[in-house]
Amino acid sequence: MQHSRQDFPDGFLFGTATSAYQIEGHVFGGAGQTHWDSFAATPGNVVRAENGDRACDHYHRYEQDLNLVADAGFDAYRFSTSWARVMPDGRRVNPEGLDFYDRLTDAMLARGIKPCATLYHWELPQPLADIGGWRNRDIADRFADFTSAIMGRIGDRMFSVAPINEPWCVGWLSHFLGHHAPGLRDIRATARAMHHVLLAHGRAIQAMRALGMGNLGAVFNMEWADPADDTDAARAAADLYDGYYNRFFMSGVFKHSYPDTVLAGLEPHLPENWQDDFATIGTPVDWCGLNYYTRKLIRPSEGPWPHHEEAEGPLPKTQMGWEIFPEGIHRFLTRTAREYTGDLPLYVTENGMANPDEIVDGAVPDQARIDYIDAHLEQARRAIDEGVPLQGYFIWSLLDNYEWALGYEKRFGLVHVDFDTLERTPKASYHALARALRRG
């Protein structure tokens, strides 16, 4: 790698990230059924109908996996807690679930790893999905109860906590596009889910403040939107995409409002008196996290609102078919600080790439991933040089894992996982990062 620890300020955190359902193995430890189990069991939703039943068996192998985090020299580990593991029916606590996260936390601390928790990374308990899930306003209070239960047990040892990973995926991708559980294509469900996920975020922050916790943040996923051509119509289409993808959630938390361009399509479907919730949604946080992978080219279409579609981009692409556009991470960091967060600390909470990695003579060559990380670190360093208060960078992901509707086909990991034997093999990118983190 071209970059190393010495290229970044003292105290800058380097970490790696995972999520519960993608790695733990959900049939273990008394976890309840989730809407992802139901979604995956429905023909046509997930590649080969694969699910998270076993995943990487992190539930039993977490010591080995945390050794990988420590041996690479990472400062922090961003993990998520499973609502359905802690509360199988969404309401009553499962002691085995709390015990697991207690052991996991202590194992991180024993290795000198800072625990950075995400409360929710998409595994909604099925009994809550049965009564409307994120469409149901009551979910915000249920989520606050979950927050109090899990953080009442491990919150005293967390370095940082964010309530919900990637609200766009929870709201739009899952309720408008139908690509993730619960697999709806319903604009009214979408508007309500997008609003309620922010309400739940605010209620969770309040619940953790009541426990005396600090260093609480919000994590947003970002896709840079460029017009597919130099026309006013394409620019308007890209601006609307930017509005509902990037600005809607961040505006709710930091500006107590939603973009007018997005309200033009969603306001008729938002819950009654939605404006009254901004006092909760905007409960102050201590930092802001950005997940960034790619950009999209957007052009107008003749269909119903939002009247646009994606166009094929010319840049090199990852295994996901996503364009590699490192400049986007600089643009989002500078824009976020300038327009939303000011001096609030920022973190890149996810960045990485899927690559068709294979074991060759006992090793896993993945130079493309090394180049990807290097290019994005350069843009992150550029933002720091321009005064952006960026304080950390987390790579997605530690392990190859369950990539949701794409099953086990797309490999994001620094560590290769054989999904038959579950053997872990660190890739060339893992070794390159270990050397880079030791330098300086």
Protein backbone atom coordinates (compact mmCIF):
# COMPACT_ATOMS: atom_id res chain seq x y z
CA MET A 1 0.00 0.00 0.00
CA GLN A 2 1.09 3.55 -0.71
CA HIS A 3 -0.42 4.91 2.50
CA SER A 4 0.38 4.09 6.10
CA ARG A 5 -0.58 5.18 9.58
CA GLN A 6 2.05 7.93 9.55
CA ASP A 7 0.15 9.73 6.76
CA PHE A 8 -2.71 10.48 9.17
CA PRO A 9 -2.97 12.58 12.33
CA ASP A 10 -2.03 11.20 15.73
CA GLY A 11 -4.98 9.38 17.24
CA PHE A 12 -6.64 8.70 13.88
CA LEU A 13 -8.56 5.42 14.22
CA PHE A 14 -8.23 2.59 11.76
CA GLY A 15 -10.83 -0.12 12.03
CA THR A 16 -12.74 -2.82 10.25
CA ALA A 17 -16.44 -3.61 10.31
CA THR A 18 -18.96 -6.47 10.18
CA SER A 19 -22.64 -6.98 10.97
CA ALA A 20 -24.43 -9.53 13.11
CA TYR A 21 -26.68 -11.36 10.64
CA GLN A 22 -23.97 -11.44 7.98
CA ILE A 23 -21.42 -13.31 10.09
CA GLU A 24 -22.74 -14.68 13.40
CA GLY A 25 -24.94 -17.61 12.41
CA HIS A 26 -28.50 -16.84 13.38
CA VAL A 27 -29.66 -20.33 14.41
CA PHE A 28 -27.37 -20.25 17.43
CA GLY A 29 -27.91 -18.89 20.92
CA GLY A 30 -31.67 -18.61 21.02
CA ALA A 31 -32.00 -15.93 18.34
CA GLY A 32 -35.49 -15.41 16.96
CA GLN A 33 -36.68 -15.42 13.37
CA THR A 34 -36.08 -12.22 11.44
CA HIS A 35 -37.74 -10.73 8.39
CA TRP A 36 -34.53 -11.63 6.53
CA ASP A 37 -35.15 -15.31 7.24
CA SER A 38 -38.62 -14.96 5.75
CA PHE A 39 -37.38 -12.91 2.80
CA ALA A 40 -34.64 -15.45 2.00
CA ALA A 41 -37.10 -18.35 2.22
CA THR A 42 -39.26 -16.76 -0.48
CA PRO A 43 -38.25 -18.04 -3.97
CA GLY A 44 -36.54 -15.46 -6.16
CA ASN A 45 -35.47 -13.04 -3.43
CA VAL A 46 -31.94 -14.25 -2.63
CA VAL A 47 -29.30 -15.95 -4.76
CA ARG A 48 -29.70 -19.72 -4.24
CA ALA A 49 -32.16 -18.88 -1.40
CA GLU A 50 -29.15 -18.56 0.93
CA ASN A 51 -29.66 -17.22 4.43
CA GLY A 52 -27.78 -16.31 7.59
CA ASP A 53 -28.41 -19.53 9.50
CA ARG A 54 -24.73 -20.39 9.76
CA ALA A 55 -23.01 -17.52 7.91
CA CYS A 56 -19.37 -17.41 9.13
CA ASP A 57 -20.23 -19.03 12.50
CA HIS A 58 -18.76 -15.99 14.24
CA TYR A 59 -20.98 -16.90 17.19
CA HIS A 60 -18.58 -19.73 18.01
CA ARG A 61 -15.43 -18.41 16.30
CA TYR A 62 -15.37 -14.81 17.54
CA GLU A 63 -12.10 -15.29 19.44
CA GLN A 64 -10.35 -16.35 16.24
CA ASP A 65 -11.91 -13.48 14.33
CA LEU A 66 -10.94 -10.89 16.93
CA ASN A 67 -7.39 -12.24 16.80
CA LEU A 68 -7.45 -11.34 13.10
CA VAL A 69 -8.57 -7.79 13.97
CA ALA A 70 -5.82 -7.41 16.57
CA ASP A 71 -3.08 -9.06 14.51
CA ALA A 72 -3.73 -6.65 11.64
CA GLY A 73 -3.13 -3.72 13.99
CA PHE A 74 -6.62 -2.25 13.80
CA ASP A 75 -7.51 0.13 16.61
CA ALA A 76 -11.26 -0.45 16.54
CA TYR A 77 -13.87 -2.98 15.49
CA ARG A 78 -17.29 -1.86 14.30
CA PHE A 79 -19.76 -4.66 14.98
CA SER A 80 -23.53 -4.78 15.22
CA THR A 81 -25.94 -6.29 17.70
CA SER A 82 -28.87 -8.40 16.55
CA TRP A 83 -32.24 -7.22 17.83
CA ALA A 84 -33.66 -10.71 17.23
CA ARG A 85 -30.83 -12.31 19.19
CA VAL A 86 -31.32 -10.03 22.19
CA MET A 87 -35.12 -9.99 21.89
CA PRO A 88 -36.33 -12.96 19.78
CA ASP A 89 -39.89 -11.64 19.64
CA GLY A 90 -38.81 -8.00 19.59
CA ARG A 91 -39.89 -7.47 23.20
CA ARG A 92 -38.68 -10.07 25.72
CA VAL A 93 -34.97 -10.40 26.49
CA ASN A 94 -33.03 -13.57 25.66
CA PRO A 95 -30.27 -13.93 28.32
CA GLU A 96 -28.12 -15.94 25.89
CA GLY A 97 -28.10 -13.01 23.51
CA LEU A 98 -26.95 -10.56 26.15
CA ASP A 99 -24.33 -13.05 27.32
CA PHE A 100 -22.91 -13.38 23.81
CA TYR A 101 -22.41 -9.64 23.34
CA ASP A 102 -20.98 -9.43 26.85
CA ARG A 103 -18.35 -12.06 25.96
CA LEU A 104 -17.69 -10.39 22.61
CA THR A 105 -17.15 -7.01 24.25
CA ASP A 106 -14.75 -8.36 26.85
CA ALA A 107 -12.84 -10.25 24.16
CA MET A 108 -12.34 -7.00 22.22
CA LEU A 109 -11.12 -5.15 25.27
CA ALA A 110 -8.76 -7.99 26.18
CA ARG A 111 -7.08 -7.48 22.80
CA GLY A 112 -6.91 -3.70 23.08
CA ILE A 113 -9.63 -3.22 20.44
CA LYS A 114 -12.08 -0.33 20.80
CA PRO A 115 -15.68 -1.65 20.58
CA CYS A 116 -17.77 0.43 18.16
CA ALA A 117 -21.34 -0.84 18.21
CA THR A 118 -24.17 -0.46 15.74
CA LEU A 119 -27.48 -1.36 17.33
CA TYR A 120 -29.34 -2.35 14.16
CA HIS A 121 -28.03 -3.70 10.87
CA TRP A 122 -31.30 -4.87 9.30
CA GLU A 123 -32.34 -8.03 11.17
CA LEU A 124 -35.81 -6.99 12.32
CA PRO A 125 -37.53 -9.57 14.56
CA GLN A 126 -40.27 -11.22 12.52
CA PRO A 127 -43.00 -10.65 15.15
CA LEU A 128 -42.44 -6.89 14.77
CA ALA A 129 -42.46 -7.20 10.99
CA ASP A 130 -45.80 -9.00 11.31
CA ILE A 131 -47.38 -5.88 12.82
CA GLY A 132 -45.99 -3.48 10.22
CA GLY A 133 -42.29 -3.28 11.01
CA TRP A 134 -40.83 0.09 10.08
CA ARG A 135 -44.23 1.24 8.76
CA ASN A 136 -45.56 1.13 12.32
CA ARG A 137 -44.81 4.19 14.45
CA ASP A 138 -44.69 2.03 17.57
CA ILE A 139 -41.40 0.55 16.33
CA ALA A 140 -39.53 3.63 17.60
CA ASP A 141 -40.48 2.82 21.19
CA ARG A 142 -39.77 -0.88 20.72
CA PHE A 143 -36.33 0.04 19.38
CA ALA A 144 -35.70 2.26 22.40
CA ASP A 145 -36.55 -0.72 24.63
CA PHE A 146 -34.05 -2.88 22.72
CA THR A 147 -31.45 -0.13 23.02
CA SER A 148 -31.91 0.03 26.78
CA ALA A 149 -31.68 -3.75 27.10
CA ILE A 150 -28.47 -4.27 25.13
CA MET A 151 -26.69 -1.08 26.17
CA GLY A 152 -27.75 -1.57 29.77
CA ARG A 153 -25.56 -4.66 29.59
CA ILE A 154 -22.56 -3.59 27.46
CA GLY A 155 -22.89 0.19 27.09
CA ASP A 156 -20.41 0.90 29.86
CA ARG A 157 -17.62 -0.61 27.74
CA MET A 158 -18.39 0.84 24.31
CA PHE A 159 -16.04 3.30 22.62
CA SER A 160 -18.87 4.49 20.38
CA VAL A 161 -22.42 3.56 19.42
CA ALA A 162 -24.68 4.39 16.47
CA PRO A 163 -28.31 3.27 16.42
CA ILE A 164 -29.07 2.30 12.81
CA ASN A 165 -26.81 1.38 9.93
CA GLU A 166 -27.69 2.94 6.55
CA PRO A 167 -31.25 4.24 6.98
CA TRP A 168 -31.62 4.53 3.18
CA CYS A 169 -31.34 0.75 2.94
CA VAL A 170 -33.83 0.24 5.78
CA GLY A 171 -36.30 2.66 4.19
CA TRP A 172 -35.96 3.05 0.42
CA LEU A 173 -34.10 -0.07 -0.73
CA SER A 174 -36.36 -2.34 1.30
CA HIS A 175 -39.77 -0.66 0.89
CA PHE A 176 -39.58 1.17 -2.47
CA LEU A 177 -37.21 -0.93 -4.57
CA GLY A 178 -37.99 -4.21 -2.82
CA HIS A 179 -34.43 -5.52 -2.97
CA HIS A 180 -34.08 -6.11 0.78
CA ALA A 181 -36.45 -7.43 3.43
CA PRO A 182 -39.37 -6.95 3.71
CA GLY A 183 -39.26 -6.69 -0.09
CA LEU A 184 -42.01 -4.12 -0.62
CA ARG A 185 -42.55 -1.79 -3.57
CA ASP A 186 -44.91 0.69 -1.95
CA ILE A 187 -44.38 4.45 -1.82
CA ARG A 188 -46.57 4.90 1.27
CA ALA A 189 -44.68 2.20 3.15
CA THR A 190 -41.44 3.82 2.02
CA ALA A 191 -42.29 7.30 3.29
CA ARG A 192 -43.36 5.93 6.67
CA ALA A 193 -40.36 3.64 7.02
CA MET A 194 -37.96 6.47 6.15
CA HIS A 195 -39.52 8.70 8.78
CA HIS A 196 -39.87 6.04 11.47
CA VAL A 197 -36.29 4.86 11.12
CA LEU A 198 -35.17 8.40 11.97
CA LEU A 199 -37.64 8.57 14.84
CA ALA A 200 -36.22 5.28 16.15
CA HIS A 201 -32.71 6.67 15.79
CA GLY A 202 -33.64 9.66 17.96
CA ARG A 203 -35.38 7.51 20.57
CA ALA A 204 -32.31 5.26 20.79
CA ILE A 205 -30.01 8.24 21.32
CA GLN A 206 -32.31 9.44 24.10
CA ALA A 207 -32.33 5.97 25.70
CA MET A 208 -28.53 5.83 25.70
CA ARG A 209 -28.24 9.36 27.11
CA ALA A 210 -30.53 8.20 29.92
CA LEU A 211 -27.99 5.45 30.63
CA GLY A 212 -25.26 8.09 30.90
CA MET A 213 -23.57 7.10 27.66
CA GLY A 214 -21.53 9.35 25.37
CA ASN A 215 -19.78 9.22 22.00
CA LEU A 216 -23.05 8.46 20.22
CA GLY A 217 -23.38 8.99 16.49
CA ALA A 218 -25.42 8.60 13.33
CA VAL A 219 -24.33 6.57 10.29
CA PHE A 220 -25.52 7.35 6.76
CA ASN A 221 -24.76 5.60 3.48
CA MET A 222 -23.84 7.86 0.59
CA GLU A 223 -23.79 7.47 -3.19
CA TRP A 224 -22.52 10.40 -5.22
CA ALA A 225 -25.06 11.31 -7.90
CA ASP A 226 -23.92 12.81 -11.20
CA PRO A 227 -26.17 13.66 -14.16
CA ALA A 228 -25.78 11.22 -17.04
CA ASP A 229 -25.51 14.11 -19.51
CA ASP A 230 -25.30 17.89 -19.60
CA THR A 231 -29.01 18.66 -19.66
CA ASP A 232 -31.21 20.43 -17.14
CA ALA A 233 -33.43 17.34 -16.95
CA ALA A 234 -30.49 15.09 -16.06
CA ARG A 235 -29.22 17.56 -13.48
CA ALA A 236 -32.66 17.69 -11.87
CA ALA A 237 -32.83 13.89 -11.84
CA ALA A 238 -29.42 13.62 -10.15
CA ASP A 239 -30.41 16.28 -7.64
CA LEU A 240 -33.53 14.35 -6.67
CA TYR A 241 -31.54 11.12 -6.33
CA ASP A 242 -29.10 12.98 -4.10
CA GLY A 243 -32.08 14.29 -2.14
CA TYR A 244 -33.71 11.02 -1.17
CA TYR A 245 -30.50 8.99 -0.99
CA ASN A 246 -28.03 11.32 0.71
CA ARG A 247 -29.78 14.42 2.05
CA PHE A 248 -33.12 13.19 3.43
CA PHE A 249 -31.78 11.36 6.48
CA MET A 250 -28.92 13.73 7.22
CA SER A 251 -31.26 16.71 6.91
CA GLY A 252 -33.67 15.14 9.35
CA VAL A 253 -30.99 14.64 12.00
CA PHE A 254 -28.99 17.84 11.55
CA LYS A 255 -31.45 20.35 10.04
CA HIS A 256 -34.79 19.15 11.45
CA SER A 257 -36.29 19.18 7.98
CA TYR A 258 -36.59 17.15 4.78
CA PRO A 259 -35.53 18.38 1.31
CA ASP A 260 -38.34 20.03 -0.65
CA THR A 261 -37.51 18.00 -3.77
CA VAL A 262 -38.13 14.77 -1.85
CA LEU A 263 -41.25 16.02 -0.10
CA ALA A 264 -42.76 16.67 -3.53
CA GLY A 265 -43.07 12.90 -3.89
CA LEU A 266 -43.22 11.62 -0.32
CA GLU A 267 -45.14 14.19 1.72
CA PRO A 268 -48.63 12.86 0.82
CA HIS A 269 -47.57 9.51 2.27
CA LEU A 270 -45.79 10.62 5.45
CA PRO A 271 -47.54 9.95 8.78
CA GLU A 272 -49.82 12.59 10.27
CA ASN A 273 -48.02 15.37 12.16
CA TRP A 274 -44.63 14.11 11.00
CA GLN A 275 -43.09 17.57 11.48
CA ASP A 276 -43.59 17.26 15.24
CA ASP A 277 -41.03 14.45 15.44
CA PHE A 278 -37.97 16.50 14.55
CA ALA A 279 -37.29 17.36 18.17
CA THR A 280 -36.69 13.64 18.75
CA ILE A 281 -35.08 12.89 15.38
CA GLY A 282 -32.63 15.75 15.89
CA THR A 283 -31.52 14.72 19.38
CA PRO A 284 -27.86 15.86 19.36
CA VAL A 285 -25.17 13.33 18.49
CA ASP A 286 -21.43 13.42 19.11
CA TRP A 287 -20.19 12.33 15.68
CA CYS A 288 -21.33 11.46 12.17
CA GLY A 289 -20.38 8.39 10.15
CA LEU A 290 -20.39 8.04 6.37
CA ASN A 291 -20.52 4.74 4.49
CA TYR A 292 -19.25 5.24 0.94
CA TYR A 293 -18.66 2.87 -1.97
CA THR A 294 -19.58 4.34 -5.36
CA ARG A 295 -21.37 6.92 -7.49
CA LYS A 296 -24.33 6.66 -9.86
CA LEU A 297 -25.09 8.39 -13.15
CA ILE A 298 -28.75 9.43 -13.23
CA ARG A 299 -30.96 10.32 -16.17
CA PRO A 300 -34.67 11.22 -16.44
CA SER A 301 -37.26 8.62 -17.38
CA GLU A 302 -40.91 8.62 -18.34
CA GLY A 303 -42.03 6.61 -15.32
CA PRO A 304 -43.81 7.84 -12.20
CA TRP A 305 -42.05 9.83 -9.48
CA PRO A 306 -39.08 10.00 -8.99
CA HIS A 307 -39.02 10.04 -12.83
CA HIS A 308 -35.45 8.83 -13.25
CA GLU A 309 -33.21 5.80 -13.71
CA GLU A 310 -29.56 4.82 -13.48
CA ALA A 311 -27.31 4.95 -16.54
CA GLU A 312 -24.27 2.77 -17.16
CA GLY A 313 -21.09 4.53 -16.05
CA PRO A 314 -17.72 4.41 -17.83
CA LEU A 315 -15.44 3.84 -14.82
CA PRO A 316 -13.89 0.52 -13.70
CA LYS A 317 -16.28 -1.48 -11.55
CA THR A 318 -16.14 -3.80 -8.58
CA GLN A 319 -17.65 -7.29 -8.39
CA MET A 320 -20.91 -5.57 -7.41
CA GLY A 321 -20.92 -3.66 -10.69
CA TRP A 322 -20.30 -0.42 -8.77
CA GLU A 323 -18.11 2.26 -10.32
CA ILE A 324 -14.86 2.99 -8.51
CA PHE A 325 -15.01 6.73 -7.82
CA PRO A 326 -12.67 7.66 -4.94
CA GLU A 327 -13.30 11.39 -5.39
CA GLY A 328 -16.77 10.84 -3.99
CA ILE A 329 -15.47 10.21 -0.50
CA HIS A 330 -13.72 13.60 -0.52
CA ARG A 331 -16.81 15.33 -1.86
CA PHE A 332 -19.07 13.85 0.80
CA LEU A 333 -16.69 14.54 3.67
CA THR A 334 -16.25 18.18 2.68
CA ARG A 335 -19.95 18.70 1.93
CA THR A 336 -21.07 17.06 5.16
CA ALA A 337 -18.81 19.24 7.29
CA ARG A 338 -19.70 22.38 5.32
CA GLU A 339 -23.48 21.93 5.14
CA TYR A 340 -24.50 19.70 8.05
CA THR A 341 -22.07 18.93 10.86
CA GLY A 342 -19.54 21.77 11.16
CA ASP A 343 -16.86 20.86 13.70
CA LEU A 344 -18.49 17.57 14.71
CA PRO A 345 -16.08 14.63 14.32
CA LEU A 346 -16.59 12.58 11.16
CA TYR A 347 -15.74 8.94 10.51
CA VAL A 348 -15.71 6.88 7.35
CA THR A 349 -17.64 4.01 8.93
CA GLU A 350 -17.60 1.78 5.84
CA ASN A 351 -15.54 1.71 2.67
CA GLY A 352 -14.43 -1.31 0.68
CA MET A 353 -15.03 -3.40 -2.42
CA ALA A 354 -16.31 -6.76 -3.53
CA ASN A 355 -13.84 -8.75 -5.62
CA PRO A 356 -14.01 -12.30 -7.05
CA ASP A 357 -11.24 -13.54 -4.75
CA GLU A 358 -9.91 -17.09 -4.95
CA ILE A 359 -7.24 -18.98 -3.06
CA VAL A 360 -4.16 -19.54 -5.23
CA ASP A 361 -1.39 -21.71 -3.76
CA GLY A 362 -2.59 -20.98 -0.25
CA ALA A 363 -2.79 -17.21 -0.72
CA VAL A 364 -5.48 -14.80 -1.89
CA PRO A 365 -4.14 -12.13 -4.28
CA ASP A 366 -6.46 -9.09 -4.32
CA GLN A 367 -4.40 -6.19 -5.61
CA ALA A 368 -7.58 -4.52 -6.86
CA ARG A 369 -8.77 -4.14 -3.25
CA ILE A 370 -5.40 -2.75 -2.14
CA ASP A 371 -5.59 -0.17 -4.92
CA TYR A 372 -9.20 0.68 -4.03
CA ILE A 373 -8.39 1.28 -0.36
CA ASP A 374 -5.28 3.27 -1.23
CA ALA A 375 -7.20 5.54 -3.59
CA HIS A 376 -9.92 6.23 -1.01
CA LEU A 377 -7.40 6.83 1.77
CA GLU A 378 -5.78 9.44 -0.44
CA GLN A 379 -9.09 11.25 -0.83
CA ALA A 380 -9.74 11.00 2.91
CA ARG A 381 -6.32 12.46 3.65
CA ARG A 382 -7.02 15.25 1.17
CA ALA A 383 -10.18 16.13 3.11
CA ILE A 384 -8.24 16.22 6.37
CA ASP A 385 -5.66 18.52 4.78
CA GLU A 386 -8.52 20.86 3.87
CA GLY A 387 -9.70 21.04 7.48
CA VAL A 388 -12.39 18.34 7.60
CA PRO A 389 -12.49 16.86 11.15
CA LEU A 390 -12.18 13.26 9.99
CA GLN A 391 -11.07 11.07 12.89
CA GLY A 392 -11.24 7.50 11.61
CA TYR A 393 -11.64 5.07 8.72
CA PHE A 394 -13.27 1.62 8.86
CA ILE A 395 -12.91 -0.98 6.11
CA TRP A 396 -15.82 -3.16 5.10
CA SER A 397 -15.37 -5.95 5.78
CA LEU A 398 -13.23 -8.10 8.02
CA LEU A 399 -14.66 -11.33 6.56
CA ASP A 400 -16.30 -12.50 3.39
CA ASN A 401 -19.89 -12.89 4.52
CA TYR A 402 -23.58 -13.05 3.70
CA GLU A 403 -24.17 -10.24 1.24
CA TRP A 404 -27.93 -10.10 1.74
CA ALA A 405 -29.94 -10.69 -1.47
CA LEU A 406 -26.70 -11.66 -3.23
CA GLY A 407 -26.08 -14.56 -0.87
CA TYR A 408 -22.47 -15.63 -0.41
CA GLU A 409 -21.39 -14.76 -3.94
CA LYS A 410 -19.86 -11.30 -3.47
CA ARG A 411 -16.68 -11.14 -1.40
CA PHE A 412 -15.94 -7.91 0.50
CA GLY A 413 -13.62 -9.38 3.11
CA LEU A 414 -10.02 -8.73 4.00
CA VAL A 415 -10.15 -12.37 5.05
CA HIS A 416 -11.33 -15.11 2.68
CA VAL A 417 -13.93 -17.49 4.11
CA ASP A 418 -14.52 -20.95 2.67
CA PHE A 419 -18.25 -21.24 3.25
CA ASP A 420 -18.08 -25.05 3.27
CA THR A 421 -15.26 -25.50 5.79
CA LEU A 422 -15.42 -21.97 7.30
CA GLU A 423 -11.64 -21.78 7.10
CA ARG A 424 -10.32 -18.20 7.25
CA THR A 425 -7.46 -17.16 4.93
CA PRO A 426 -6.16 -13.58 5.19
CA LYS A 427 -5.91 -11.98 1.76
CA ALA A 428 -3.06 -9.92 0.34
CA SER A 429 -5.02 -6.79 1.31
CA TYR A 430 -5.09 -7.92 4.94
CA HIS A 431 -1.31 -8.37 4.98
CA ALA A 432 -0.77 -5.05 3.16
CA LEU A 433 -2.91 -3.22 5.70
CA ALA A 434 -1.12 -4.91 8.61
CA ARG A 435 2.19 -3.60 7.27
CA ALA A 436 0.73 -0.14 6.68
CA LEU A 437 -0.70 0.09 10.18
CA ARG A 438 2.60 -0.93 11.72
CA ARG A 439 4.43 1.85 9.85
CA GLY A 440 4.46 5.10 11.78
